[in-house]
Amino acid sequence: MLTSSSAPPLFPGRRIDDHDYADGGINQNVPVAAAIAVGATNIYAVVAMALEQPPDERDFRTANLFDLHLRSSMILFADHQRANLAAVRPAGVDLTVIAPTVELVGPSR
């Protein structure tokens, strides 16, 4: 349970034996491959944010560290979602992606 609430840098990772752990959603936030591995044939993937991040009009040469981290995290998260959705699906496995239509994450402009 401790690792499920570990989301560096906000909440520290947890060391168990000789390994460091964090919430699985950090790396595999849309576990399509895991669903396939347990035999799912109709997969509904609800993604947390838009798969494509629109260009940000801010001048990041003058941005603060928080804004830089947030923007890079959003791009990384979207990349992970796309990679997770690209899991190889055997014949007969259907994937339906449900994506948000309104962006709720990030600073208001």
C-alpha atoms as a PDB file:
ATOM      1  CA  MET A   1       0.000   0.000   0.000  1.00  0.00           C
ATOM      2  CA  LEU A   2       2.850   2.407   0.689  1.00  0.00           C
ATOM      3  CA  THR A   3       4.111   2.212  -2.870  1.00  0.00           C
ATOM      4  CA  SER A   4       0.681   2.976  -4.318  1.00  0.00           C
ATOM      5  CA  SER A   5       0.910   6.443  -2.765  1.00  0.00           C
ATOM      6  CA  SER A   6       4.496   7.061  -3.875  1.00  0.00           C
ATOM      7  CA  ALA A   7       4.637   9.650  -6.623  1.00  0.00           C
ATOM      8  CA  PRO A   8       8.060  11.297  -6.691  1.00  0.00           C
ATOM      9  CA  PRO A   9       8.814  14.150  -6.274  1.00  0.00           C
ATOM     10  CA  LEU A  10       5.583  14.862  -4.362  1.00  0.00           C
ATOM     11  CA  PHE A  11       5.590  11.692  -2.265  1.00  0.00           C
ATOM     12  CA  PRO A  12       8.788   9.683  -1.839  1.00  0.00           C
ATOM     13  CA  GLY A  13       9.319   6.258  -3.351  1.00  0.00           C
ATOM     14  CA  ARG A  14       9.570   3.290  -1.000  1.00  0.00           C
ATOM     15  CA  ARG A  15      12.532   0.959  -0.587  1.00  0.00           C
ATOM     16  CA  ILE A  16      11.661  -2.702  -0.077  1.00  0.00           C
ATOM     17  CA  ASP A  17      14.657  -4.974   0.322  1.00  0.00           C
ATOM     18  CA  ASP A  18      17.129  -3.637  -2.270  1.00  0.00           C
ATOM     19  CA  HIS A  19      14.576  -2.131  -4.676  1.00  0.00           C
ATOM     20  CA  ASP A  20      12.920   1.276  -4.918  1.00  0.00           C
ATOM     21  CA  TYR A  21       9.220   1.335  -5.772  1.00  0.00           C
ATOM     22  CA  ALA A  22       6.673   3.968  -6.785  1.00  0.00           C
ATOM     23  CA  ASP A  23       3.037   3.875  -7.830  1.00  0.00           C
ATOM     24  CA  GLY A  24       2.612   1.738 -10.951  1.00  0.00           C
ATOM     25  CA  GLY A  25       0.692   4.547 -12.615  1.00  0.00           C
ATOM     26  CA  ILE A  26       3.912   6.524 -12.843  1.00  0.00           C
ATOM     27  CA  ASN A  27       5.168   4.243 -15.604  1.00  0.00           C
ATOM     28  CA  GLN A  28       2.138   2.238 -16.720  1.00  0.00           C
ATOM     29  CA  ASN A  29      -0.817   4.535 -16.236  1.00  0.00           C
ATOM     30  CA  VAL A  30      -3.018   2.710 -18.771  1.00  0.00           C
ATOM     31  CA  PRO A  31      -2.317  -0.998 -18.074  1.00  0.00           C
ATOM     32  CA  VAL A  32      -3.512  -2.421 -21.406  1.00  0.00           C
ATOM     33  CA  ALA A  33      -0.706  -5.023 -21.497  1.00  0.00           C
ATOM     34  CA  ALA A  34      -1.680  -6.232 -18.011  1.00  0.00           C
ATOM     35  CA  ALA A  35      -5.320  -6.582 -19.084  1.00  0.00           C
ATOM     36  CA  ILE A  36      -4.246  -8.616 -22.117  1.00  0.00           C
ATOM     37  CA  ALA A  37      -1.982 -10.775 -19.948  1.00  0.00           C
ATOM     38  CA  VAL A  38      -4.924 -11.828 -17.756  1.00  0.00           C
ATOM     39  CA  GLY A  39      -7.085 -12.666 -20.772  1.00  0.00           C
ATOM     40  CA  ALA A  40      -9.250  -9.579 -21.271  1.00  0.00           C
ATOM     41  CA  THR A  41     -10.857  -9.421 -24.702  1.00  0.00           C
ATOM     42  CA  ASN A  42     -12.843  -6.165 -24.367  1.00  0.00           C
ATOM     43  CA  ILE A  43     -10.673  -3.456 -22.848  1.00  0.00           C
ATOM     44  CA  TYR A  44     -11.922   0.025 -21.993  1.00  0.00           C
ATOM     45  CA  ALA A  45      -9.035   2.382 -21.306  1.00  0.00           C
ATOM     46  CA  VAL A  46      -9.933   5.636 -19.587  1.00  0.00           C
ATOM     47  CA  VAL A  47      -7.022   8.009 -20.052  1.00  0.00           C
ATOM     48  CA  ALA A  48      -6.392  10.754 -17.533  1.00  0.00           C
ATOM     49  CA  MET A  49      -5.468  13.494 -19.965  1.00  0.00           C
ATOM     50  CA  ALA A  50      -5.379  14.264 -23.664  1.00  0.00           C
ATOM     51  CA  LEU A  51      -3.085  11.961 -25.639  1.00  0.00           C
ATOM     52  CA  GLU A  52      -1.617  14.898 -27.545  1.00  0.00           C
ATOM     53  CA  GLN A  53      -0.488  17.912 -25.588  1.00  0.00           C
ATOM     54  CA  PRO A  54      -1.239  21.162 -27.403  1.00  0.00           C
ATOM     55  CA  PRO A  55       1.609  23.625 -27.851  1.00  0.00           C
ATOM     56  CA  ASP A  56       2.109  25.854 -24.848  1.00  0.00           C
ATOM     57  CA  GLU A  57       2.307  29.517 -25.760  1.00  0.00           C
ATOM     58  CA  ARG A  58       4.308  30.529 -22.698  1.00  0.00           C
ATOM     59  CA  ASP A  59       7.945  31.576 -23.062  1.00  0.00           C
ATOM     60  CA  PHE A  60       9.703  28.846 -21.097  1.00  0.00           C
ATOM     61  CA  ARG A  61      12.997  30.749 -21.172  1.00  0.00           C
ATOM     62  CA  THR A  62      11.516  32.878 -18.383  1.00  0.00           C
ATOM     63  CA  ALA A  63       9.294  30.230 -16.729  1.00  0.00           C
ATOM     64  CA  ASN A  64       9.732  29.210 -13.117  1.00  0.00           C
ATOM     65  CA  LEU A  65      10.869  25.733 -12.105  1.00  0.00           C
ATOM     66  CA  PHE A  66       7.345  24.587 -11.181  1.00  0.00           C
ATOM     67  CA  ASP A  67       5.932  25.502 -14.619  1.00  0.00           C
ATOM     68  CA  LEU A  68       8.848  23.769 -16.355  1.00  0.00           C
ATOM     69  CA  HIS A  69       8.345  20.624 -14.275  1.00  0.00           C
ATOM     70  CA  LEU A  70       4.579  20.615 -14.792  1.00  0.00           C
ATOM     71  CA  ARG A  71       4.869  21.001 -18.567  1.00  0.00           C
ATOM     72  CA  SER A  72       7.537  18.311 -18.896  1.00  0.00           C
ATOM     73  CA  SER A  73       5.524  15.989 -16.630  1.00  0.00           C
ATOM     74  CA  MET A  74       2.395  16.453 -18.743  1.00  0.00           C
ATOM     75  CA  ILE A  75       4.320  15.648 -21.932  1.00  0.00           C
ATOM     76  CA  LEU A  76       5.930  12.591 -20.299  1.00  0.00           C
ATOM     77  CA  PHE A  77       2.572  11.379 -18.938  1.00  0.00           C
ATOM     78  CA  ALA A  78       0.960  11.713 -22.387  1.00  0.00           C
ATOM     79  CA  ASP A  79       3.890   9.790 -23.925  1.00  0.00           C
ATOM     80  CA  HIS A  80       3.424   6.992 -21.375  1.00  0.00           C
ATOM     81  CA  GLN A  81      -0.305   6.829 -22.102  1.00  0.00           C
ATOM     82  CA  ARG A  82       0.340   6.489 -25.848  1.00  0.00           C
ATOM     83  CA  ALA A  83       3.000   3.809 -25.258  1.00  0.00           C
ATOM     84  CA  ASN A  84       0.678   1.858 -22.937  1.00  0.00           C
ATOM     85  CA  LEU A  85      -2.153   2.035 -25.481  1.00  0.00           C
ATOM     86  CA  ALA A  86       0.190   0.742 -28.202  1.00  0.00           C
ATOM     87  CA  ALA A  87       0.506  -2.677 -26.515  1.00  0.00           C
ATOM     88  CA  VAL A  88       0.366  -5.466 -29.067  1.00  0.00           C
ATOM     89  CA  ARG A  89      -3.133  -6.925 -29.044  1.00  0.00           C
ATOM     90  CA  PRO A  90      -3.813 -10.463 -30.214  1.00  0.00           C
ATOM     91  CA  ALA A  91      -6.617 -11.057 -32.683  1.00  0.00           C
ATOM     92  CA  GLY A  92      -9.979 -10.802 -30.988  1.00  0.00           C
ATOM     93  CA  VAL A  93      -8.911  -8.256 -28.360  1.00  0.00           C
ATOM     94  CA  ASP A  94     -10.782  -4.960 -28.688  1.00  0.00           C
ATOM     95  CA  LEU A  95      -9.585  -1.693 -27.183  1.00  0.00           C
ATOM     96  CA  THR A  96     -11.864   1.287 -26.633  1.00  0.00           C
ATOM     97  CA  VAL A  97     -10.117   4.473 -25.510  1.00  0.00           C
ATOM     98  CA  ILE A  98     -12.098   7.037 -23.550  1.00  0.00           C
ATOM     99  CA  ALA A  99     -10.252  10.350 -23.507  1.00  0.00           C
ATOM    100  CA  PRO A 100     -11.171  13.625 -21.822  1.00  0.00           C
ATOM    101  CA  THR A 101     -12.645  16.391 -23.927  1.00  0.00           C
ATOM    102  CA  VAL A 102     -11.759  19.147 -21.446  1.00  0.00           C
ATOM    103  CA  GLU A 103      -8.255  19.684 -20.041  1.00  0.00           C
ATOM    104  CA  LEU A 104      -8.381  20.006 -16.260  1.00  0.00           C
ATOM    105  CA  VAL A 105      -4.701  19.573 -15.403  1.00  0.00           C
ATOM    106  CA  GLY A 106      -2.216  22.402 -15.333  1.00  0.00           C
ATOM    107  CA  PRO A 107      -2.139  26.117 -14.675  1.00  0.00           C
ATOM    108  CA  SER A 108      -4.896  28.317 -15.988  1.00  0.00           C
ATOM    109  CA  ARG A 109      -3.919  30.743 -18.708  1.00  0.00           C
END
